[in-house]
PDB file of N, CA and C in Angstrom:
ATOM      1  N   MET A   1       7.439 -16.294  15.754  1.00  0.00           N
ATOM      2  CA  MET A   1       7.657 -15.094  14.969  1.00  0.00           C
ATOM      3  C   MET A   1       6.306 -14.490  14.573  1.00  0.00           C
ATOM      4  N   ALA A   2       6.228 -13.183  14.588  1.00  0.00           N
ATOM      5  CA  ALA A   2       4.978 -12.493  14.267  1.00  0.00           C
ATOM      6  C   ALA A   2       4.682 -12.572  12.778  1.00  0.00           C
ATOM      7  N   GLU A   3       3.397 -12.619  12.477  1.00  0.00           N
ATOM      8  CA  GLU A   3       2.979 -12.601  11.079  1.00  0.00           C
ATOM      9  C   GLU A   3       3.133 -11.180  10.551  1.00  0.00           C
ATOM     10  N   ALA A   4       3.718 -11.041   9.367  1.00  0.00           N
ATOM     11  CA  ALA A   4       3.982  -9.725   8.791  1.00  0.00           C
ATOM     12  C   ALA A   4       3.077  -9.477   7.596  1.00  0.00           C
ATOM     13  N   THR A   5       2.810  -8.206   7.342  1.00  0.00           N
ATOM     14  CA  THR A   5       1.973  -7.807   6.218  1.00  0.00           C
ATOM     15  C   THR A   5       2.664  -6.705   5.442  1.00  0.00           C
ATOM     16  N   ASN A   6       2.684  -6.832   4.131  1.00  0.00           N
ATOM     17  CA  ASN A   6       3.156  -5.768   3.251  1.00  0.00           C
ATOM     18  C   ASN A   6       1.969  -4.890   2.888  1.00  0.00           C
ATOM     19  N   ILE A   7       2.155  -3.587   2.984  1.00  0.00           N
ATOM     20  CA  ILE A   7       1.138  -2.617   2.596  1.00  0.00           C
ATOM     21  C   ILE A   7       1.773  -1.747   1.519  1.00  0.00           C
ATOM     22  N   CYS A   8       1.196  -1.755   0.330  1.00  0.00           N
ATOM     23  CA  CYS A   8       1.791  -1.066  -0.812  1.00  0.00           C
ATOM     24  C   CYS A   8       0.845  -0.028  -1.393  1.00  0.00           C
ATOM     25  N   GLY A   9       1.404   1.110  -1.751  1.00  0.00           N
ATOM     26  CA  GLY A   9       0.684   2.107  -2.531  1.00  0.00           C
ATOM     27  C   GLY A   9       1.138   1.961  -3.971  1.00  0.00           C
ATOM     28  N   VAL A  10       0.207   1.851  -4.891  1.00  0.00           N
ATOM     29  CA  VAL A  10       0.539   1.583  -6.291  1.00  0.00           C
ATOM     30  C   VAL A  10      -0.185   2.580  -7.194  1.00  0.00           C
ATOM     31  N   ALA A  11       0.582   3.182  -8.110  1.00  0.00           N
ATOM     32  CA  ALA A  11       0.000   4.049  -9.142  1.00  0.00           C
ATOM     33  C   ALA A  11      -0.122   3.224 -10.411  1.00  0.00           C
ATOM     34  N   VAL A  12      -1.321   3.159 -10.968  1.00  0.00           N
ATOM     35  CA  VAL A  12      -1.570   2.368 -12.173  1.00  0.00           C
ATOM     36  C   VAL A  12      -2.022   3.300 -13.289  1.00  0.00           C
ATOM     37  N   TYR A  13      -1.368   3.170 -14.439  1.00  0.00           N
ATOM     38  CA  TYR A  13      -1.744   3.935 -15.628  1.00  0.00           C
ATOM     39  C   TYR A  13      -2.308   2.975 -16.661  1.00  0.00           C
ATOM     40  N   LEU A  14      -3.481   3.292 -17.164  1.00  0.00           N
ATOM     41  CA  LEU A  14      -4.157   2.453 -18.150  1.00  0.00           C
ATOM     42  C   LEU A  14      -4.061   3.093 -19.529  1.00  0.00           C
ATOM     43  N   ALA A  15      -4.009   2.260 -20.551  1.00  0.00           N
ATOM     44  CA  ALA A  15      -4.007   2.761 -21.926  1.00  0.00           C
ATOM     45  C   ALA A  15      -5.315   3.496 -22.184  1.00  0.00           C
ATOM     46  N   PRO A  16      -5.276   4.575 -22.981  1.00  0.00           N
ATOM     47  CA  PRO A  16      -6.498   5.338 -23.255  1.00  0.00           C
ATOM     48  C   PRO A  16      -7.622   4.493 -23.860  1.00  0.00           C
ATOM     49  N   ASN A  17      -7.262   3.483 -24.615  1.00  0.00           N
ATOM     50  CA  ASN A  17      -8.277   2.646 -25.264  1.00  0.00           C
ATOM     51  C   ASN A  17      -8.502   1.329 -24.517  1.00  0.00           C
ATOM     52  N   ALA A  18      -8.152   1.307 -23.223  1.00  0.00           N
ATOM     53  CA  ALA A  18      -8.301   0.076 -22.438  1.00  0.00           C
ATOM     54  C   ALA A  18      -9.774  -0.297 -22.316  1.00  0.00           C
ATOM     55  N   GLU A  19     -10.009  -1.592 -22.149  1.00  0.00           N
ATOM     56  CA  GLU A  19     -11.378  -2.077 -21.978  1.00  0.00           C
ATOM     57  C   GLU A  19     -12.022  -1.412 -20.768  1.00  0.00           C
ATOM     58  N   ARG A  20     -13.292  -1.140 -20.869  1.00  0.00           N
ATOM     59  CA  ARG A  20     -14.005  -0.440 -19.803  1.00  0.00           C
ATOM     60  C   ARG A  20     -14.025  -1.224 -18.488  1.00  0.00           C
ATOM     61  N   ASP A  21     -13.949  -2.530 -18.544  1.00  0.00           N
ATOM     62  CA  ASP A  21     -14.010  -3.324 -17.314  1.00  0.00           C
ATOM     63  C   ASP A  21     -12.634  -3.570 -16.692  1.00  0.00           C
ATOM     64  N   LEU A  22     -11.588  -2.949 -17.239  1.00  0.00           N
ATOM     65  CA  LEU A  22     -10.235  -3.193 -16.738  1.00  0.00           C
ATOM     66  C   LEU A  22     -10.098  -2.790 -15.267  1.00  0.00           C
ATOM     67  N   THR A  23     -10.638  -1.657 -14.883  1.00  0.00           N
ATOM     68  CA  THR A  23     -10.574  -1.239 -13.479  1.00  0.00           C
ATOM     69  C   THR A  23     -11.257  -2.270 -12.585  1.00  0.00           C
ATOM     70  N   ASP A  24     -12.395  -2.772 -13.000  1.00  0.00           N
ATOM     71  CA  ASP A  24     -13.097  -3.800 -12.219  1.00  0.00           C
ATOM     72  C   ASP A  24     -12.260  -5.066 -12.101  1.00  0.00           C
ATOM     73  N   ARG A  25     -11.562  -5.439 -13.166  1.00  0.00           N
ATOM     74  CA  ARG A  25     -10.716  -6.639 -13.130  1.00  0.00           C
ATOM     75  C   ARG A  25      -9.538  -6.437 -12.179  1.00  0.00           C
ATOM     76  N   ILE A  26      -8.975  -5.228 -12.164  1.00  0.00           N
ATOM     77  CA  ILE A  26      -7.877  -4.936 -11.239  1.00  0.00           C
ATOM     78  C   ILE A  26      -8.376  -5.000  -9.798  1.00  0.00           C
ATOM     79  N   LEU A  27      -9.524  -4.391  -9.536  1.00  0.00           N
ATOM     80  CA  LEU A  27     -10.066  -4.362  -8.176  1.00  0.00           C
ATOM     81  C   LEU A  27     -10.538  -5.732  -7.697  1.00  0.00           C
ATOM     82  N   ALA A  28     -10.722  -6.667  -8.610  1.00  0.00           N
ATOM     83  CA  ALA A  28     -11.111  -8.028  -8.238  1.00  0.00           C
ATOM     84  C   ALA A  28      -9.921  -8.849  -7.740  1.00  0.00           C
ATOM     85  N   LEU A  29      -8.698  -8.350  -7.941  1.00  0.00           N
ATOM     86  CA  LEU A  29      -7.521  -9.062  -7.451  1.00  0.00           C
ATOM     87  C   LEU A  29      -7.521  -9.030  -5.922  1.00  0.00           C
ATOM     88  N   PRO A  30      -7.091 -10.121  -5.267  1.00  0.00           N
ATOM     89  CA  PRO A  30      -7.096 -10.170  -3.799  1.00  0.00           C
ATOM     90  C   PRO A  30      -6.219  -9.077  -3.189  1.00  0.00           C
ATOM     91  N   GLY A  31      -6.734  -8.406  -2.171  1.00  0.00           N
ATOM     92  CA  GLY A  31      -5.956  -7.412  -1.438  1.00  0.00           C
ATOM     93  C   GLY A  31      -5.837  -6.056  -2.102  1.00  0.00           C
ATOM     94  N   VAL A  32      -6.593  -5.815  -3.176  1.00  0.00           N
ATOM     95  CA  VAL A  32      -6.498  -4.555  -3.920  1.00  0.00           C
ATOM     96  C   VAL A  32      -7.698  -3.671  -3.597  1.00  0.00           C
ATOM     97  N   GLU A  33      -7.414  -2.408  -3.262  1.00  0.00           N
ATOM     98  CA  GLU A  33      -8.477  -1.454  -2.932  1.00  0.00           C
ATOM     99  C   GLU A  33      -8.208  -0.129  -3.640  1.00  0.00           C
ATOM    100  N   LEU A  34      -9.239   0.449  -4.226  1.00  0.00           N
ATOM    101  CA  LEU A  34      -9.131   1.734  -4.917  1.00  0.00           C
ATOM    102  C   LEU A  34      -9.140   2.870  -3.898  1.00  0.00           C
ATOM    103  N   GLU A  35      -8.144   3.738  -3.978  1.00  0.00           N
ATOM    104  CA  GLU A  35      -8.084   4.913  -3.106  1.00  0.00           C
ATOM    105  C   GLU A  35      -8.525   6.167  -3.846  1.00  0.00           C
ATOM    106  N   ALA A  36      -8.136   6.272  -5.138  1.00  0.00           N
ATOM    107  CA  ALA A  36      -8.502   7.443  -5.941  1.00  0.00           C
ATOM    108  C   ALA A  36      -8.374   7.091  -7.412  1.00  0.00           C
ATOM    109  N   ALA A  37      -9.110   7.835  -8.242  1.00  0.00           N
ATOM    110  CA  ALA A  37      -9.034   7.655  -9.693  1.00  0.00           C
ATOM    111  C   ALA A  37      -9.079   9.028 -10.344  1.00  0.00           C
ATOM    112  N   SER A  38      -8.343   9.150 -11.438  1.00  0.00           N
ATOM    113  CA  SER A  38      -8.352  10.379 -12.212  1.00  0.00           C
ATOM    114  C   SER A  38      -8.768  10.002 -13.624  1.00  0.00           C
ATOM    115  N   GLY A  39      -9.988  10.342 -13.959  1.00  0.00           N
ATOM    116  CA  GLY A  39     -10.508   9.929 -15.254  1.00  0.00           C
ATOM    117  C   GLY A  39     -10.606   8.423 -15.317  1.00  0.00           C
ATOM    118  N   GLU A  40     -10.423   7.899 -16.499  1.00  0.00           N
ATOM    119  CA  GLU A  40     -10.472   6.445 -16.668  1.00  0.00           C
ATOM    120  C   GLU A  40      -9.091   5.843 -16.859  1.00  0.00           C
ATOM    121  N   SER A  41      -8.027   6.675 -16.738  1.00  0.00           N
ATOM    122  CA  SER A  41      -6.712   6.139 -17.062  1.00  0.00           C
ATOM    123  C   SER A  41      -5.718   6.107 -15.908  1.00  0.00           C
ATOM    124  N   ARG A  42      -6.026   6.705 -14.763  1.00  0.00           N
ATOM    125  CA  ARG A  42      -5.076   6.704 -13.650  1.00  0.00           C
ATOM    126  C   ARG A  42      -5.766   6.267 -12.363  1.00  0.00           C
ATOM    127  N   LEU A  43      -5.119   5.324 -11.680  1.00  0.00           N
ATOM    128  CA  LEU A  43      -5.662   4.779 -10.436  1.00  0.00           C
ATOM    129  C   LEU A  43      -4.611   4.862  -9.333  1.00  0.00           C
ATOM    130  N   ALA A  44      -5.049   5.143  -8.123  1.00  0.00           N
ATOM    131  CA  ALA A  44      -4.203   5.045  -6.935  1.00  0.00           C
ATOM    132  C   ALA A  44      -4.785   3.916  -6.094  1.00  0.00           C
ATOM    133  N   LEU A  45      -3.971   2.900  -5.842  1.00  0.00           N
ATOM    134  CA  LEU A  45      -4.445   1.693  -5.170  1.00  0.00           C
ATOM    135  C   LEU A  45      -3.661   1.411  -3.903  1.00  0.00           C
ATOM    136  N   THR A  46      -4.301   0.732  -2.974  1.00  0.00           N
ATOM    137  CA  THR A  46      -3.617   0.100  -1.859  1.00  0.00           C
ATOM    138  C   THR A  46      -3.658  -1.393  -2.141  1.00  0.00           C
ATOM    139  N   VAL A  47      -2.503  -2.033  -2.001  1.00  0.00           N
ATOM    140  CA  VAL A  47      -2.408  -3.478  -2.220  1.00  0.00           C
ATOM    141  C   VAL A  47      -1.755  -4.079  -0.978  1.00  0.00           C
ATOM    142  N   ILE A  48      -2.429  -5.055  -0.366  1.00  0.00           N
ATOM    143  CA  ILE A  48      -1.896  -5.695   0.837  1.00  0.00           C
ATOM    144  C   ILE A  48      -1.792  -7.202   0.635  1.00  0.00           C
ATOM    145  N   ASP A  49      -0.937  -7.812   1.450  1.00  0.00           N
ATOM    146  CA  ASP A  49      -0.861  -9.267   1.465  1.00  0.00           C
ATOM    147  C   ASP A  49      -2.194  -9.827   1.942  1.00  0.00           C
ATOM    148  N   THR A  50      -2.562 -10.980   1.411  1.00  0.00           N
ATOM    149  CA  THR A  50      -3.727 -11.716   1.892  1.00  0.00           C
ATOM    150  C   THR A  50      -3.251 -13.124   2.234  1.00  0.00           C
ATOM    151  N   PRO A  51      -4.060 -13.905   2.941  1.00  0.00           N
ATOM    152  CA  PRO A  51      -3.651 -15.284   3.224  1.00  0.00           C
ATOM    153  C   PRO A  51      -3.391 -16.092   1.948  1.00  0.00           C
ATOM    154  N   ALA A  52      -4.054 -15.726   0.855  1.00  0.00           N
ATOM    155  CA  ALA A  52      -3.924 -16.483  -0.391  1.00  0.00           C
ATOM    156  C   ALA A  52      -2.780 -16.009  -1.278  1.00  0.00           C
ATOM    157  N   SER A  53      -2.345 -14.744  -1.136  1.00  0.00           N
ATOM    158  CA  SER A  53      -1.308 -14.236  -2.040  1.00  0.00           C
ATOM    159  C   SER A  53      -0.593 -13.034  -1.449  1.00  0.00           C
ATOM    160  N   LEU A  54       0.602 -12.794  -1.963  1.00  0.00           N
ATOM    161  CA  LEU A  54       1.388 -11.639  -1.551  1.00  0.00           C
ATOM    162  C   LEU A  54       1.029 -10.422  -2.393  1.00  0.00           C
ATOM    163  N   ALA A  55       1.207  -9.252  -1.829  1.00  0.00           N
ATOM    164  CA  ALA A  55       0.927  -8.004  -2.551  1.00  0.00           C
ATOM    165  C   ALA A  55       1.739  -7.930  -3.842  1.00  0.00           C
ATOM    166  N   ILE A  56       2.994  -8.332  -3.790  1.00  0.00           N
ATOM    167  CA  ILE A  56       3.849  -8.245  -4.981  1.00  0.00           C
ATOM    168  C   ILE A  56       3.303  -9.107  -6.119  1.00  0.00           C
ATOM    169  N   ASP A  57       2.677 -10.224  -5.788  1.00  0.00           N
ATOM    170  CA  ASP A  57       2.085 -11.074  -6.825  1.00  0.00           C
ATOM    171  C   ASP A  57       0.908 -10.377  -7.500  1.00  0.00           C
ATOM    172  N   GLN A  58       0.145  -9.610  -6.735  1.00  0.00           N
ATOM    173  CA  GLN A  58      -0.992  -8.889  -7.321  1.00  0.00           C
ATOM    174  C   GLN A  58      -0.513  -7.727  -8.187  1.00  0.00           C
ATOM    175  N   ILE A  59       0.574  -7.070  -7.769  1.00  0.00           N
ATOM    176  CA  ILE A  59       1.142  -5.993  -8.585  1.00  0.00           C
ATOM    177  C   ILE A  59       1.662  -6.567  -9.901  1.00  0.00           C
ATOM    178  N   ALA A  60       2.317  -7.708  -9.835  1.00  0.00           N
ATOM    179  CA  ALA A  60       2.804  -8.366 -11.054  1.00  0.00           C
ATOM    180  C   ALA A  60       1.639  -8.779 -11.949  1.00  0.00           C
ATOM    181  N   ALA A  61       0.548  -9.251 -11.341  1.00  0.00           N
ATOM    182  CA  ALA A  61      -0.632  -9.640 -12.125  1.00  0.00           C
ATOM    183  C   ALA A  61      -1.222  -8.437 -12.848  1.00  0.00           C
ATOM    184  N   MET A  62      -1.195  -7.274 -12.211  1.00  0.00           N
ATOM    185  CA  MET A  62      -1.681  -6.053 -12.876  1.00  0.00           C
ATOM    186  C   MET A  62      -0.877  -5.761 -14.131  1.00  0.00           C
ATOM    187  N   HIS A  63       0.445  -5.913 -14.037  1.00  0.00           N
ATOM    188  CA  HIS A  63       1.326  -5.661 -15.187  1.00  0.00           C
ATOM    189  C   HIS A  63       0.961  -6.538 -16.382  1.00  0.00           C
ATOM    190  N   ARG A  64       0.496  -7.734 -16.104  1.00  0.00           N
ATOM    191  CA  ARG A  64       0.196  -8.681 -17.187  1.00  0.00           C
ATOM    192  C   ARG A  64      -1.166  -8.462 -17.832  1.00  0.00           C
ATOM    193  N   LEU A  65      -2.011  -7.616 -17.245  1.00  0.00           N
ATOM    194  CA  LEU A  65      -3.336  -7.384 -17.822  1.00  0.00           C
ATOM    195  C   LEU A  65      -3.230  -6.510 -19.070  1.00  0.00           C
ATOM    196  N   PRO A  66      -3.837  -6.936 -20.178  1.00  0.00           N
ATOM    197  CA  PRO A  66      -3.834  -6.106 -21.384  1.00  0.00           C
ATOM    198  C   PRO A  66      -4.502  -4.760 -21.095  1.00  0.00           C
ATOM    199  N   GLY A  67      -3.837  -3.687 -21.485  1.00  0.00           N
ATOM    200  CA  GLY A  67      -4.364  -2.350 -21.257  1.00  0.00           C
ATOM    201  C   GLY A  67      -3.705  -1.627 -20.096  1.00  0.00           C
ATOM    202  N   VAL A  68      -2.930  -2.341 -19.269  1.00  0.00           N
ATOM    203  CA  VAL A  68      -2.191  -1.690 -18.186  1.00  0.00           C
ATOM    204  C   VAL A  68      -0.851  -1.230 -18.752  1.00  0.00           C
ATOM    205  N   VAL A  69      -0.628   0.082 -18.728  1.00  0.00           N
ATOM    206  CA  VAL A  69       0.635   0.642 -19.215  1.00  0.00           C
ATOM    207  C   VAL A  69       1.716   0.449 -18.164  1.00  0.00           C
ATOM    208  N   SER A  70       1.395   0.757 -16.904  1.00  0.00           N
ATOM    209  CA  SER A  70       2.350   0.546 -15.817  1.00  0.00           C
ATOM    210  C   SER A  70       1.622   0.436 -14.487  1.00  0.00           C
ATOM    211  N   ALA A  71       2.257  -0.258 -13.572  1.00  0.00           N
ATOM    212  CA  ALA A  71       1.802  -0.352 -12.186  1.00  0.00           C
ATOM    213  C   ALA A  71       3.052  -0.152 -11.338  1.00  0.00           C
ATOM    214  N   SER A  72       3.184   1.037 -10.755  1.00  0.00           N
ATOM    215  CA  SER A  72       4.414   1.420 -10.057  1.00  0.00           C
ATOM    216  C   SER A  72       4.213   1.479  -8.549  1.00  0.00           C
ATOM    217  N   LEU A  73       5.129   0.857  -7.832  1.00  0.00           N
ATOM    218  CA  LEU A  73       5.120   0.910  -6.378  1.00  0.00           C
ATOM    219  C   LEU A  73       5.564   2.309  -5.958  1.00  0.00           C
ATOM    220  N   ILE A  74       4.696   3.029  -5.246  1.00  0.00           N
ATOM    221  CA  ILE A  74       5.046   4.385  -4.819  1.00  0.00           C
ATOM    222  C   ILE A  74       5.164   4.507  -3.303  1.00  0.00           C
ATOM    223  N   PHE A  75       4.736   3.478  -2.579  1.00  0.00           N
ATOM    224  CA  PHE A  75       4.828   3.466  -1.124  1.00  0.00           C
ATOM    225  C   PHE A  75       4.865   2.021  -0.663  1.00  0.00           C
ATOM    226  N   HIS A  76       5.657   1.753   0.369  1.00  0.00           N
ATOM    227  CA  HIS A  76       5.682   0.413   0.945  1.00  0.00           C
ATOM    228  C   HIS A  76       5.873   0.517   2.452  1.00  0.00           C
ATOM    229  N   ALA A  77       5.095  -0.245   3.185  1.00  0.00           N
ATOM    230  CA  ALA A  77       5.265  -0.376   4.629  1.00  0.00           C
ATOM    231  C   ALA A  77       5.197  -1.854   4.965  1.00  0.00           C
ATOM    232  N   PHE A  78       5.953  -2.230   5.971  1.00  0.00           N
ATOM    233  CA  PHE A  78       6.001  -3.610   6.426  1.00  0.00           C
ATOM    234  C   PHE A  78       5.519  -3.600   7.862  1.00  0.00           C
ATOM    235  N   ASP A  79       4.447  -4.298   8.139  1.00  0.00           N
ATOM    236  CA  ASP A  79       3.825  -4.242   9.452  1.00  0.00           C
ATOM    237  C   ASP A  79       3.739  -5.635  10.048  1.00  0.00           C
ATOM    238  N   THR A  80       4.000  -5.732  11.338  1.00  0.00           N
ATOM    239  CA  THR A  80       3.799  -6.994  12.041  1.00  0.00           C
ATOM    240  C   THR A  80       2.725  -6.783  13.092  1.00  0.00           C
ATOM    241  N   ALA A  81       1.966  -7.809  13.335  1.00  0.00           N
ATOM    242  CA  ALA A  81       0.819  -7.714  14.244  1.00  0.00           C
ATOM    243  C   ALA A  81       1.221  -7.347  15.665  1.00  0.00           C
ATOM    244  N   ASP A  82       2.381  -7.809  16.117  1.00  0.00           N
ATOM    245  CA  ASP A  82       2.769  -7.541  17.505  1.00  0.00           C
ATOM    246  C   ASP A  82       3.925  -6.566  17.619  1.00  0.00           C
ATOM    247  N   ASP A  83       4.134  -5.726  16.622  1.00  0.00           N
ATOM    248  CA  ASP A  83       5.244  -4.781  16.637  1.00  0.00           C
ATOM    249  C   ASP A  83       4.849  -3.500  17.366  1.00  0.00           C
ATOM    250  N   GLU A  84       4.612  -3.626  18.661  1.00  0.00           N
ATOM    251  CA  GLU A  84       4.237  -2.462  19.457  1.00  0.00           C
ATOM    252  C   GLU A  84       5.434  -1.585  19.759  1.00  0.00           C
ATOM    253  N   SER A  85       6.654  -2.087  19.530  1.00  0.00           N
ATOM    254  CA  SER A  85       7.843  -1.292  19.805  1.00  0.00           C
ATOM    255  C   SER A  85       8.039  -0.177  18.790  1.00  0.00           C
ATOM    256  N   ALA A  86       7.329  -0.221  17.669  1.00  0.00           N
ATOM    257  CA  ALA A  86       7.518   0.777  16.619  1.00  0.00           C
ATOM    258  C   ALA A  86       6.814   2.089  16.916  1.00  0.00           C
ATOM    259  N   VAL A  87       5.838   2.076  17.798  1.00  0.00           N
ATOM    260  CA  VAL A  87       5.071   3.293  18.079  1.00  0.00           C
ATOM    261  C   VAL A  87       5.018   3.535  19.581  1.00  0.00           C
ATOM    262  N   GLU A  88       5.285   4.746  19.952  1.00  0.00           N
ATOM    263  CA  GLU A  88       5.190   5.160  21.348  1.00  0.00           C
ATOM    264  C   GLU A  88       4.035   6.137  21.483  1.00  0.00           C
ATOM    265  N   THR A  89       3.326   6.068  22.576  1.00  0.00           N
ATOM    266  CA  THR A  89       2.255   7.036  22.800  1.00  0.00           C
ATOM    267  C   THR A  89       2.731   8.200  23.652  1.00  0.00           C
ATOM    268  N   GLU A  90       3.860   8.039  24.299  1.00  0.00           N
ATOM    269  CA  GLU A  90       4.408   9.111  25.125  1.00  0.00           C
ATOM    270  C   GLU A  90       5.383   9.948  24.306  1.00  0.00           C
ATOM    271  N   PRO A  91       5.231  11.270  24.292  1.00  0.00           N
ATOM    272  CA  PRO A  91       6.096  12.131  23.506  1.00  0.00           C
ATOM    273  C   PRO A  91       7.563  12.026  23.887  1.00  0.00           C
ATOM    274  N   SER A  92       7.872  11.738  25.144  1.00  0.00           N
ATOM    275  CA  SER A  92       9.263  11.709  25.574  1.00  0.00           C
ATOM    276  C   SER A  92      10.077  10.657  24.844  1.00  0.00           C
ATOM    277  N   ALA A  93       9.451   9.571  24.406  1.00  0.00           N
ATOM    278  CA  ALA A  93      10.165   8.519  23.691  1.00  0.00           C
ATOM    279  C   ALA A  93      10.527   8.955  22.281  1.00  0.00           C
ATOM    280  N   CYS A  94       9.812   9.931  21.764  1.00  0.00           N
ATOM    281  CA  CYS A  94      10.025  10.386  20.391  1.00  0.00           C
ATOM    282  C   CYS A  94      10.873  11.643  20.351  1.00  0.00           C
ATOM    283  N   CYS A  95      10.406  12.670  21.043  1.00  0.00           N
ATOM    284  CA  CYS A  95      10.971  13.996  20.831  1.00  0.00           C
ATOM    285  C   CYS A  95      11.147  14.772  22.128  1.00  0.00           C
ATOM    286  N   GLY A  96      10.882  14.127  23.238  1.00  0.00           N
ATOM    287  CA  GLY A  96      10.965  14.840  24.501  1.00  0.00           C
ATOM    288  C   GLY A  96       9.839  15.833  24.694  1.00  0.00           C
ATOM    289  N   GLY A  97       8.781  15.704  23.892  1.00  0.00           N
ATOM    290  CA  GLY A  97       7.641  16.601  23.997  1.00  0.00           C
ATOM    291  C   GLY A  97       7.759  17.847  23.145  1.00  0.00           C
ATOM    292  N   ALA A  98       8.828  17.941  22.326  1.00  0.00           N
ATOM    293  CA  ALA A  98       9.060  19.148  21.530  1.00  0.00           C
ATOM    294  C   ALA A  98       8.195  19.228  20.276  1.00  0.00           C
ATOM    295  N   CYS A  99       7.745  18.105  19.762  1.00  0.00           N
ATOM    296  CA  CYS A  99       6.980  18.155  18.513  1.00  0.00           C
ATOM    297  C   CYS A  99       5.498  18.389  18.795  1.00  0.00           C
ATOM    298  N   GLN A 100       4.761  18.661  17.748  1.00  0.00           N
ATOM    299  CA  GLN A 100       3.339  18.949  17.870  1.00  0.00           C
ATOM    300  C   GLN A 100       2.469  17.733  17.571  1.00  0.00           C
ATOM    301  N   ASN A 101       3.069  16.561  17.463  1.00  0.00           N
ATOM    302  CA  ASN A 101       2.334  15.351  17.130  1.00  0.00           C
ATOM    303  C   ASN A 101       1.394  14.989  18.271  1.00  0.00           C
ATOM    304  N   SER A 102       0.106  15.003  17.997  1.00  0.00           N
ATOM    305  CA  SER A 102      -0.862  14.667  19.036  1.00  0.00           C
ATOM    306  C   SER A 102      -1.212  13.186  19.038  1.00  0.00           C
ATOM    307  N   GLY A 103      -0.727  12.449  18.046  1.00  0.00           N
ATOM    308  CA  GLY A 103      -1.025  11.025  17.946  1.00  0.00           C
ATOM    309  C   GLY A 103       0.158  10.198  18.393  1.00  0.00           C
ATOM    310  N   ALA A 104       0.408   9.131  17.680  1.00  0.00           N
ATOM    311  CA  ALA A 104       1.515   8.243  18.010  1.00  0.00           C
ATOM    312  C   ALA A 104       2.835   8.891  17.625  1.00  0.00           C
ATOM    313  N   HIS A 105       3.847   8.598  18.385  1.00  0.00           N
ATOM    314  CA  HIS A 105       5.193   9.091  18.116  1.00  0.00           C
ATOM    315  C   HIS A 105       6.043   7.918  17.668  1.00  0.00           C
ATOM    316  N   ALA A 106       6.739   8.071  16.573  1.00  0.00           N
ATOM    317  CA  ALA A 106       7.569   6.989  16.051  1.00  0.00           C
ATOM    318  C   ALA A 106       8.843   6.878  16.865  1.00  0.00           C
ATOM    319  N   ARG A 107       9.206   5.661  17.196  1.00  0.00           N
ATOM    320  CA  ARG A 107      10.471   5.418  17.879  1.00  0.00           C
ATOM    321  C   ARG A 107      11.575   5.432  16.833  1.00  0.00           C
ATOM    322  N   ALA A 108      12.705   5.961  17.172  1.00  0.00           N
ATOM    323  CA  ALA A 108      13.828   6.004  16.228  1.00  0.00           C
ATOM    324  C   ALA A 108      14.207   4.597  15.808  1.00  0.00           C
ATOM    325  N   SER A 109      14.558   4.453  14.548  1.00  0.00           N
ATOM    326  CA  SER A 109      14.929   3.158  13.996  1.00  0.00           C
ATOM    327  C   SER A 109      16.241   2.683  14.585  1.00  0.00           C
ATOM    328  N   ALA A 110      16.358   1.379  14.768  1.00  0.00           N
ATOM    329  CA  ALA A 110      17.592   0.788  15.261  1.00  0.00           C
ATOM    330  C   ALA A 110      18.571   0.536  14.133  1.00  0.00           C
ATOM    331  N   ILE A 111      18.154   0.819  12.910  1.00  0.00           N
ATOM    332  CA  ILE A 111      19.013   0.559  11.745  1.00  0.00           C
ATOM    333  C   ILE A 111      19.978   1.690  11.550  1.00  0.00           C
TER     334      ILE A 111
END
């Protein structure tokens, strides 16, 4: 079976009076990367599984940090290393060439 990875987009809101090093403590969690910040109170993060921990465990750890108001999952993707069936490079597999997508074309879901 292929190894799978969770890729999560997380919006984090910090209390206005949160400790100045709180962002650094969040970014020190395994698999956490800063994508954008708005002031000192809003963060947009990518959180992925690592060999040592799951993304969901890091999101839960954020919730437990003093000064974190919320950490909300806003995007989730599940990726497997050998899942080449999910993407087609030929337009005919996706749309018959009707779309303007110049990159990969998504194959219709079997679900």
